[in-house]
């Protein structure tokens, strides 16, 4: 039957009030920015969720640091407690959310819930980056599940896409703009021709950057996220110590402007790529031989996992991702190129991802399974992260040189001796004998070879200050 006004089945709205509907009780640890956002979202859309999944979600208790602490959305005092163990141990609580952050007490909280066989939902990227392998093993040991959609890119459903949507794909490449603070700073540096330090101060004043911004601007937040994505995409747990990380503090207005002149935009990218011995390239030499050498569904391969500022061609879609927005560009061997875009942080975007996990946990409980699609399954044999020195890239190099005859020849000889080609040169006009910028675009070369050549270049008397090198990605 259709309602003439709404033109949709009345049963859709009746579902949420069906007397035999399963109810799942949620216990929350953390009632701050994210936690109160999740509670608010549940109050706002709980009937909608119930109509879609056939399960009512009821919040039983919310553990907080202080009952009277300020929070974006109000939580009834009757629901709050300062005793997190009472939430985890409550026999009525079916599912636990951990939304407190950190890698110490949060780990204890999650393990306590998993040991009771209770599914856990977390948004804790730092904890998963440092201890994910242990936590997923504990979930398996105790016959339950750990959900983590909100740990990477806020409201963008990239975890579910990699785990479920691309289950039939090998992930060949993944590029992520996964830190909104850095993207905001770089956007304004390009848009306004401003220096890093000036934009950072303003971003802090507006609440887009923390008072102590190193987690964001030095690349460590992106490291946590890209490590989780690499582990999920390639089937072995990536140790964060093996991820090369560079931030954006060293970038200047000159770098942004010269990149723009060359047709590029600078973004902080998390990069995951199959290395030269990837299964795709092995398969091109003969699928039969590959099947003989490896067990079914078990492949070996090395991957690049890195975080660093990157020159992106202005024509590429990632170059147009601005301000605090995130984007993840994924290339699968079957699906080809795909893009995921949206808000990567904030109480509402993160709450949306948490609700997605709440729905999954509720459905798993409804149908009596610990998970319909495993959260993380090791499937690569001898997978490893390759050293940055081996990674091949193109490069933007900025030097400050003395404008005298023979300067460029000396520099070119050093690169030539290292078998590194120079594709283009920009040198603004200056007065002879004065210091001027010299911009070089280098052809593909191993990072180690370029680093050694730049060390030699930097020792020349005609070069003033340390050379600046930024990698270039053309997405070929």
Protein backbone atom coordinates (compact mmCIF):
# COMPACT_ATOMS: atom_id res chain seq x y z
CA UNK A 1 0.00 0.00 0.00
CA UNK A 2 1.26 3.48 -0.85
CA UNK A 3 0.51 6.65 1.03
CA UNK A 4 -0.80 9.16 -1.50
CA UNK A 5 1.18 12.01 0.05
CA UNK A 6 4.47 10.28 0.61
CA UNK A 7 4.28 7.94 -2.40
CA UNK A 8 6.23 5.20 -0.61
CA UNK A 9 5.34 2.00 1.26
CA UNK A 10 3.82 2.62 4.68
CA UNK A 11 5.55 -0.57 5.83
CA UNK A 12 8.85 1.30 5.67
CA UNK A 13 7.77 3.52 8.54
CA UNK A 14 5.96 0.78 10.38
CA UNK A 15 9.15 -1.33 10.48
CA UNK A 16 10.75 0.77 13.19
CA UNK A 17 7.83 0.14 15.52
CA UNK A 18 7.34 -3.55 14.76
CA UNK A 19 6.84 -5.35 18.12
CA UNK A 20 9.13 -8.26 17.24
CA UNK A 21 12.02 -6.11 16.03
CA UNK A 22 15.41 -7.07 17.45
CA UNK A 23 16.96 -4.49 19.82
CA UNK A 24 20.71 -3.95 20.20
CA UNK A 25 22.01 -2.06 23.21
CA UNK A 26 24.97 0.23 22.75
CA UNK A 27 27.49 1.18 25.41
CA UNK A 28 29.64 4.18 24.54
CA UNK A 29 33.06 5.10 25.91
CA UNK A 30 33.72 8.75 25.13
CA UNK A 31 31.21 11.59 25.13
CA UNK A 32 33.28 14.45 23.80
CA UNK A 33 33.26 15.90 20.30
CA UNK A 34 32.87 12.60 18.45
CA UNK A 35 30.95 10.74 21.15
CA UNK A 36 28.32 13.44 21.57
CA UNK A 37 28.11 13.65 17.78
CA UNK A 38 27.34 9.93 17.59
CA UNK A 39 24.70 10.21 20.32
CA UNK A 40 23.09 13.20 18.59
CA UNK A 41 23.07 11.40 15.23
CA UNK A 42 21.46 8.33 16.79
CA UNK A 43 18.72 10.45 18.35
CA UNK A 44 18.15 12.16 15.02
CA UNK A 45 18.13 9.09 12.75
CA UNK A 46 17.52 6.04 14.93
CA UNK A 47 14.06 5.42 13.44
CA UNK A 48 15.50 5.68 9.93
CA UNK A 49 18.24 3.18 10.78
CA UNK A 50 15.73 0.80 12.35
CA UNK A 51 13.56 0.91 9.24
CA UNK A 52 16.56 0.07 7.08
CA UNK A 53 18.25 -2.67 9.09
CA UNK A 54 15.34 -4.05 11.09
CA UNK A 55 17.11 -3.48 14.42
CA UNK A 56 16.45 -0.87 17.09
CA UNK A 57 19.58 0.75 18.56
CA UNK A 58 19.33 1.77 22.21
CA UNK A 59 22.06 3.66 24.06
CA UNK A 60 22.40 2.30 27.60
CA UNK A 61 25.38 4.16 29.06
CA UNK A 62 28.03 6.67 28.00
CA UNK A 63 31.34 6.81 29.87
CA UNK A 64 32.87 10.31 29.98
CA UNK A 65 35.84 11.99 31.64
CA UNK A 66 33.60 14.48 33.45
CA UNK A 67 29.83 14.78 33.58
CA UNK A 68 29.90 18.57 33.27
CA UNK A 69 32.55 18.93 30.55
CA UNK A 70 31.54 21.08 27.56
CA UNK A 71 30.46 19.13 24.48
CA UNK A 72 28.98 20.11 21.11
CA UNK A 73 25.76 18.16 21.71
CA UNK A 74 24.02 17.64 25.03
CA UNK A 75 23.85 14.19 26.61
CA UNK A 76 21.32 13.48 29.40
CA UNK A 77 23.08 13.20 32.75
CA UNK A 78 21.14 10.01 33.46
CA UNK A 79 23.05 8.24 30.67
CA UNK A 80 26.54 9.34 31.71
CA UNK A 81 29.07 7.70 34.00
CA UNK A 82 32.76 8.23 34.70
CA UNK A 83 33.32 4.50 35.11
CA UNK A 84 34.14 3.00 31.71
CA UNK A 85 34.37 -0.53 33.13
CA UNK A 86 30.72 -0.38 34.15
CA UNK A 87 29.87 0.20 30.49
CA UNK A 88 31.98 -2.67 29.17
CA UNK A 89 30.88 -5.11 31.89
CA UNK A 90 27.16 -4.29 31.78
CA UNK A 91 25.48 -7.56 30.68
CA UNK A 92 22.81 -5.57 28.85
CA UNK A 93 25.38 -3.87 26.59
CA UNK A 94 25.68 -5.75 23.31
CA UNK A 95 28.08 -3.46 21.42
CA UNK A 96 30.79 -1.07 22.69
CA UNK A 97 32.09 2.06 20.99
CA UNK A 98 35.55 3.40 21.89
CA UNK A 99 35.75 7.11 21.05
CA UNK A 100 38.33 8.40 23.53
CA UNK A 101 41.52 8.27 21.42
CA UNK A 102 45.07 7.56 22.52
CA UNK A 103 46.97 4.29 22.50
CA UNK A 104 47.15 3.41 26.20
CA UNK A 105 43.88 3.22 28.09
CA UNK A 106 41.91 2.91 24.84
CA UNK A 107 43.68 -0.36 24.09
CA UNK A 108 42.80 -1.68 27.55
CA UNK A 109 39.16 -0.69 27.02
CA UNK A 110 38.90 -2.40 23.65
CA UNK A 111 40.60 -5.60 24.81
CA UNK A 112 38.33 -5.76 27.86
CA UNK A 113 35.24 -5.62 25.64
CA UNK A 114 36.62 -8.11 23.10
CA UNK A 115 37.44 -10.61 25.85
CA UNK A 116 33.76 -10.55 26.80
CA UNK A 117 32.86 -11.39 23.21
CA UNK A 118 31.37 -7.96 22.58
CA UNK A 119 31.78 -6.28 19.19
CA UNK A 120 33.75 -3.02 19.39
CA UNK A 121 33.55 0.05 17.15
CA UNK A 122 36.50 2.44 17.17
CA UNK A 123 37.54 5.65 15.44
CA UNK A 124 41.06 5.37 16.87
CA UNK A 125 43.51 5.52 13.95
CA UNK A 126 46.59 5.92 16.14
CA UNK A 127 45.71 2.82 18.15
CA UNK A 128 45.01 0.71 15.06
CA UNK A 129 48.21 1.89 13.42
CA UNK A 130 50.26 0.88 16.45
CA UNK A 131 48.38 -2.22 17.66
CA UNK A 132 45.91 -3.20 14.94
CA UNK A 133 47.35 -6.64 14.34
CA UNK A 134 47.06 -7.53 18.03
CA UNK A 135 43.52 -6.16 18.32
CA UNK A 136 42.22 -8.00 15.25
CA UNK A 137 43.81 -11.21 16.55
CA UNK A 138 42.05 -10.70 19.88
CA UNK A 139 38.70 -10.17 18.15
CA UNK A 140 39.17 -13.45 16.28
CA UNK A 141 40.31 -15.27 19.41
CA UNK A 142 37.22 -14.24 21.36
CA UNK A 143 34.78 -14.80 18.50
CA UNK A 144 33.74 -11.22 17.96
CA UNK A 145 34.55 -8.27 15.68
CA UNK A 146 36.33 -4.94 15.58
CA UNK A 147 34.84 -2.27 13.32
CA UNK A 148 36.90 0.75 12.27
CA UNK A 149 35.29 2.69 9.41
CA UNK A 150 35.60 5.97 11.32
CA UNK A 151 39.37 5.59 11.78
CA UNK A 152 40.22 6.83 8.27
CA UNK A 153 38.81 9.84 6.38
CA UNK A 154 35.80 10.55 8.61
CA UNK A 155 32.60 10.29 6.60
CA UNK A 156 34.20 8.77 3.47
CA UNK A 157 33.38 5.02 3.45
CA UNK A 158 36.84 4.00 2.25
CA UNK A 159 37.28 1.06 4.67
CA UNK A 160 34.08 -0.60 3.52
CA UNK A 161 34.94 0.12 -0.12
CA UNK A 162 38.32 -1.61 0.17
CA UNK A 163 37.05 -4.49 2.28
CA UNK A 164 33.77 -5.17 0.48
CA UNK A 165 33.31 -3.12 -2.68
CA UNK A 166 36.73 -4.05 -4.08
CA UNK A 167 36.90 -7.58 -2.71
CA UNK A 168 37.41 -8.87 -6.26
CA UNK A 169 40.24 -6.44 -7.05
CA UNK A 170 43.94 -6.29 -6.42
CA UNK A 171 44.69 -2.73 -5.38
CA UNK A 172 47.46 -1.52 -7.65
CA UNK A 173 47.69 2.06 -6.46
CA UNK A 174 46.07 4.26 -3.82
CA UNK A 175 46.64 7.98 -3.34
CA UNK A 176 45.08 9.79 -0.41
CA UNK A 177 44.65 13.39 0.66
CA UNK A 178 43.83 12.23 4.17
CA UNK A 179 44.68 15.18 6.43
CA UNK A 180 42.33 18.15 6.28
CA UNK A 181 44.61 20.50 8.21
CA UNK A 182 47.47 20.13 5.73
CA UNK A 183 45.13 20.37 2.77
CA UNK A 184 43.62 23.57 4.18
CA UNK A 185 47.06 25.13 4.69
CA UNK A 186 48.32 24.16 1.22
CA UNK A 187 45.10 25.40 -0.41
CA UNK A 188 45.47 28.82 1.18
CA UNK A 189 49.18 29.02 0.42
CA UNK A 190 48.39 28.56 -3.26
CA UNK A 191 45.26 30.70 -3.30
CA UNK A 192 46.73 33.64 -1.38
CA UNK A 193 50.44 33.36 -2.10
CA UNK A 194 51.03 33.12 1.64
CA UNK A 195 53.80 31.52 3.66
CA UNK A 196 53.30 28.35 5.70
CA UNK A 197 53.80 29.97 9.10
CA UNK A 198 51.23 32.72 8.46
CA UNK A 199 48.55 30.31 7.27
CA UNK A 200 49.24 27.93 10.16
CA UNK A 201 48.68 30.69 12.72
CA UNK A 202 45.39 31.63 11.12
CA UNK A 203 44.33 27.98 10.88
CA UNK A 204 45.00 27.59 14.60
CA UNK A 205 42.96 30.71 15.36
CA UNK A 206 40.03 29.32 13.35
CA UNK A 207 40.22 25.86 14.90
CA UNK A 208 41.40 24.07 11.75
CA UNK A 209 44.78 23.29 13.33
CA UNK A 210 45.68 22.28 16.87
CA UNK A 211 47.70 24.54 19.15
CA UNK A 212 50.42 21.88 18.92
CA UNK A 213 50.10 21.00 15.22
CA UNK A 214 52.93 18.50 14.71
CA UNK A 215 50.64 15.43 14.45
CA UNK A 216 49.07 16.99 11.38
CA UNK A 217 51.68 19.17 9.68
CA UNK A 218 54.54 16.71 10.16
CA UNK A 219 52.54 13.94 8.49
CA UNK A 220 51.98 11.54 11.39
CA UNK A 221 48.18 11.65 11.28
CA UNK A 222 48.37 10.77 7.58
CA UNK A 223 50.87 8.02 8.42
CA UNK A 224 48.36 6.35 10.77
CA UNK A 225 45.62 6.44 8.15
CA UNK A 226 47.65 5.36 5.15
CA UNK A 227 49.14 2.47 7.14
CA UNK A 228 45.65 1.17 7.93
CA UNK A 229 44.62 1.44 4.28
CA UNK A 230 47.81 -0.28 3.11
CA UNK A 231 47.29 -3.14 5.54
CA UNK A 232 43.70 -3.62 4.43
CA UNK A 233 44.45 -3.29 0.71
CA UNK A 234 47.44 -5.63 0.64
CA UNK A 235 46.69 -8.24 3.26
CA UNK A 236 49.64 -7.92 5.63
CA UNK A 237 49.97 -5.63 8.62
CA UNK A 238 52.13 -2.60 7.80
CA UNK A 239 54.40 -1.53 10.63
CA UNK A 240 54.21 2.28 10.91
CA UNK A 241 57.99 2.33 11.39
CA UNK A 242 58.33 1.20 7.78
CA UNK A 243 56.31 4.11 6.39
CA UNK A 244 58.39 7.01 5.13
CA UNK A 245 56.88 10.28 6.39
CA UNK A 246 57.52 13.91 5.46
CA UNK A 247 55.36 16.86 6.47
CA UNK A 248 54.78 20.28 4.96
CA UNK A 249 56.72 22.63 7.28
CA UNK A 250 59.55 23.08 4.77
CA UNK A 251 57.30 24.16 1.91
CA UNK A 252 57.48 27.82 0.93
CA UNK A 253 55.47 30.25 -1.12
CA UNK A 254 58.19 29.96 -3.79
CA UNK A 255 57.67 26.18 -4.06
CA UNK A 256 53.93 26.65 -4.48
CA UNK A 257 54.37 29.40 -7.08
CA UNK A 258 57.00 27.58 -9.17
CA UNK A 259 54.90 24.41 -9.10
CA UNK A 260 51.93 26.44 -10.32
CA UNK A 261 54.08 27.91 -13.11
CA UNK A 262 54.91 24.36 -14.20
CA UNK A 263 51.25 23.29 -14.16
CA UNK A 264 51.23 21.48 -10.80
CA UNK A 265 49.56 21.74 -7.40
CA UNK A 266 51.30 20.58 -4.21
CA UNK A 267 49.35 18.24 -1.92
CA UNK A 268 50.36 16.08 1.02
CA UNK A 269 49.72 12.59 -0.34
CA UNK A 270 49.63 9.20 1.27
CA UNK A 271 50.81 6.81 -1.43
CA UNK A 272 50.42 3.02 -1.66
CA UNK A 273 51.76 1.30 -4.76
CA UNK A 274 52.62 -2.17 -5.89
CA UNK A 275 56.36 -2.41 -6.46
CA UNK A 276 58.08 -3.80 -9.53
CA UNK A 277 57.64 -7.43 -8.43
CA UNK A 278 53.90 -7.08 -7.94
CA UNK A 279 51.59 -9.94 -8.77
CA UNK A 280 50.19 -7.99 -11.70
CA UNK A 281 53.56 -7.77 -13.40
CA UNK A 282 54.40 -11.36 -12.51
CA UNK A 283 51.11 -12.49 -14.01
CA UNK A 284 51.95 -10.75 -17.27
CA UNK A 285 54.85 -13.19 -17.61
CA UNK A 286 52.54 -16.17 -17.44
CA UNK A 287 49.55 -16.90 -15.21
CA UNK A 288 50.29 -20.63 -15.24
CA UNK A 289 53.77 -20.14 -13.84
CA UNK A 290 52.41 -17.82 -11.15
CA UNK A 291 49.86 -20.40 -10.07
CA UNK A 292 52.56 -23.06 -9.84
CA UNK A 293 54.81 -20.92 -7.68
CA UNK A 294 52.23 -19.64 -5.17
CA UNK A 295 49.38 -21.28 -3.25
CA UNK A 296 45.87 -20.28 -4.34
CA UNK A 297 44.87 -16.78 -3.21
CA UNK A 298 48.30 -16.23 -1.65
CA UNK A 299 50.62 -13.88 -3.49
CA UNK A 300 53.85 -12.18 -2.63
CA UNK A 301 54.75 -8.60 -3.31
CA UNK A 302 56.40 -5.48 -2.06
CA UNK A 303 54.60 -2.18 -1.80
CA UNK A 304 55.54 1.43 -1.42
CA UNK A 305 53.83 3.07 1.57
CA UNK A 306 54.78 6.73 1.97
CA UNK A 307 53.51 10.12 3.09
CA UNK A 308 55.07 13.24 1.58
CA UNK A 309 54.27 16.49 -0.28
CA UNK A 310 53.75 15.76 -3.96
CA UNK A 311 53.40 17.77 -7.15
CA UNK A 312 50.13 16.76 -8.84
CA UNK A 313 49.26 17.86 -12.40
CA UNK A 314 46.59 20.56 -12.32
CA UNK A 315 44.50 18.50 -14.73
CA UNK A 316 44.22 15.61 -12.26
CA UNK A 317 41.11 15.43 -10.09
CA UNK A 318 43.11 15.33 -6.83
CA UNK A 319 44.56 18.77 -7.60
CA UNK A 320 41.06 20.25 -7.20
CA UNK A 321 40.48 18.82 -3.71
CA UNK A 322 40.72 21.93 -1.54
CA UNK A 323 40.35 23.27 1.99
CA UNK A 324 39.59 20.69 4.71
CA UNK A 325 38.23 18.04 2.35
CA UNK A 326 39.76 14.59 1.93
CA UNK A 327 39.92 12.37 -1.13
CA UNK A 328 41.15 8.86 -1.84
CA UNK A 329 41.96 7.78 -5.40
CA UNK A 330 42.02 4.00 -5.84
CA UNK A 331 43.17 2.00 -8.86
CA UNK A 332 42.06 -1.65 -8.95
CA UNK A 333 43.10 -4.22 -11.51
CA UNK A 334 39.46 -4.90 -12.42
CA UNK A 335 37.54 -1.72 -11.59
CA UNK A 336 40.15 0.75 -12.85
CA UNK A 337 40.26 4.25 -11.32
CA UNK A 338 37.80 5.40 -8.63
CA UNK A 339 37.58 8.47 -6.39
CA UNK A 340 36.15 8.93 -2.90
CA UNK A 341 35.65 12.51 -1.70
CA UNK A 342 34.21 14.18 1.38
CA UNK A 343 34.84 15.57 4.83
CA UNK A 344 37.58 13.65 6.57
CA UNK A 345 37.05 14.85 10.13
CA UNK A 346 34.61 16.59 12.43
CA UNK A 347 31.91 15.39 14.79
CA UNK A 348 29.21 14.81 12.17
CA UNK A 349 31.32 13.22 9.43
CA UNK A 350 32.92 10.86 11.95
CA UNK A 351 29.55 10.11 13.54
CA UNK A 352 28.23 9.05 10.13
CA UNK A 353 31.02 6.47 9.85
CA UNK A 354 30.43 5.22 13.40
CA UNK A 355 26.72 4.74 12.64
CA UNK A 356 27.66 2.66 9.62
CA UNK A 357 29.64 0.37 11.90
CA UNK A 358 26.82 0.31 14.46
CA UNK A 359 24.50 -0.91 11.71
CA UNK A 360 26.97 -3.62 10.65
CA UNK A 361 27.43 -4.79 14.24
CA UNK A 362 23.66 -4.84 14.78
CA UNK A 363 23.11 -6.89 11.61
CA UNK A 364 25.84 -9.34 12.59
CA UNK A 365 24.15 -9.86 15.95
CA UNK A 366 20.72 -10.12 14.34
CA UNK A 367 21.84 -12.91 12.02
CA UNK A 368 24.08 -14.63 14.55
CA UNK A 369 27.42 -14.16 12.81
CA UNK A 370 30.54 -12.49 14.12
CA UNK A 371 31.01 -10.80 10.75
CA UNK A 372 29.67 -11.08 7.23
CA UNK A 373 32.91 -9.83 5.66
CA UNK A 374 36.09 -10.25 7.75
CA UNK A 375 37.52 -6.92 8.97
CA UNK A 376 41.07 -7.87 8.03
CA UNK A 377 42.34 -11.08 6.44
CA UNK A 378 46.05 -11.75 5.80
CA UNK A 379 46.25 -12.86 2.17
CA UNK A 380 49.70 -11.88 0.89
CA UNK A 381 52.62 -14.21 1.42
CA UNK A 382 55.87 -12.45 2.31
CA UNK A 383 54.37 -9.01 1.76
CA UNK A 384 56.71 -6.17 2.72
CA UNK A 385 57.19 -2.43 2.49
CA UNK A 386 60.03 -1.41 0.21
CA UNK A 387 62.64 1.11 1.37
CA UNK A 388 62.15 4.63 0.06
CA UNK A 389 65.64 4.56 -1.49
CA UNK A 390 64.35 1.99 -3.99
CA UNK A 391 61.20 3.90 -4.93
CA UNK A 392 61.33 5.48 -8.38
CA UNK A 393 59.82 8.95 -8.82
CA UNK A 394 60.09 12.15 -10.77
CA UNK A 395 61.30 15.22 -8.87
CA UNK A 396 60.99 18.97 -8.50
CA UNK A 397 64.21 20.48 -7.15
CA UNK A 398 64.65 24.08 -5.97
CA UNK A 399 68.15 25.41 -5.45
CA UNK A 400 69.38 28.82 -4.41
CA UNK A 401 72.48 29.43 -6.57
CA UNK A 402 74.99 32.16 -7.35
CA UNK A 403 74.32 33.46 -10.85
CA UNK A 404 77.75 33.05 -12.40
CA UNK A 405 78.80 31.31 -15.65
CA UNK A 406 79.15 27.55 -15.34
CA UNK A 407 76.78 27.08 -12.39
CA UNK A 408 74.16 25.11 -14.30
CA UNK A 409 76.85 23.05 -16.05
CA UNK A 410 78.35 21.95 -12.72
CA UNK A 411 74.96 20.92 -11.40
CA UNK A 412 73.97 19.14 -14.61
CA UNK A 413 77.21 17.16 -14.56
CA UNK A 414 76.51 15.83 -11.07
CA UNK A 415 73.07 14.61 -12.11
CA UNK A 416 74.46 13.24 -15.36
CA UNK A 417 77.15 11.27 -13.57
CA UNK A 418 74.38 9.78 -11.39
CA UNK A 419 72.39 8.78 -14.50
CA UNK A 420 69.61 11.22 -13.59
CA UNK A 421 68.08 13.18 -16.44
CA UNK A 422 66.93 16.82 -16.24
CA UNK A 423 63.67 17.38 -18.14
CA UNK A 424 63.32 21.16 -17.70
CA UNK A 425 64.94 24.17 -16.04
CA UNK A 426 63.51 27.46 -14.75
CA UNK A 427 65.83 30.28 -13.67
CA UNK A 428 64.37 33.75 -13.16
CA UNK A 429 66.53 36.60 -14.41
CA UNK A 430 68.84 38.11 -11.83
CA UNK A 431 71.98 40.14 -11.47
CA UNK A 432 75.25 38.32 -12.13
CA UNK A 433 76.85 37.31 -8.87
CA UNK A 434 73.57 37.49 -6.95
CA UNK A 435 71.71 34.51 -5.49
CA UNK A 436 68.74 33.35 -7.55
CA UNK A 437 66.39 30.36 -7.46
CA UNK A 438 67.05 27.54 -9.89
CA UNK A 439 64.24 25.06 -10.51
CA UNK A 440 64.94 21.64 -12.03
CA UNK A 441 62.48 18.96 -13.06
CA UNK A 442 64.13 15.54 -13.00
CA UNK A 443 63.19 12.39 -14.89
CA UNK A 444 62.35 9.10 -13.17
CA UNK A 445 65.08 7.95 -10.81
CA UNK A 446 65.45 6.03 -7.53
CA UNK A 447 65.07 8.16 -4.42
CA UNK A 448 68.42 7.01 -3.08
CA UNK A 449 70.29 8.12 -6.21
CA UNK A 450 68.61 11.54 -6.16
CA UNK A 451 69.33 12.02 -2.46
CA UNK A 452 73.03 11.26 -3.01
CA UNK A 453 73.24 13.58 -6.01
CA UNK A 454 71.54 16.40 -4.10
CA UNK A 455 74.00 16.00 -1.24
CA UNK A 456 76.83 16.55 -3.73
CA UNK A 457 75.01 19.47 -5.36
CA UNK A 458 74.46 21.06 -1.95
CA UNK A 459 78.22 20.97 -1.27
CA UNK A 460 79.00 23.20 -4.27
CA UNK A 461 80.16 26.70 -3.36
CA UNK A 462 77.72 28.20 -5.86
CA UNK A 463 74.75 26.59 -4.06
CA UNK A 464 73.48 28.50 -1.04
CA UNK A 465 71.40 26.68 1.52
CA UNK A 466 70.03 23.16 1.45
CA UNK A 467 68.42 21.93 -1.79
CA UNK A 468 64.64 21.44 -1.66
CA UNK A 469 63.28 18.30 -3.32
CA UNK A 470 59.58 17.48 -3.83
CA UNK A 471 58.44 14.34 -5.61
CA UNK A 472 56.18 14.46 -8.65
CA UNK A 473 53.29 12.09 -9.35
CA UNK A 474 51.75 11.88 -12.82
CA UNK A 475 49.44 8.86 -12.16
CA UNK A 476 50.59 7.10 -15.32
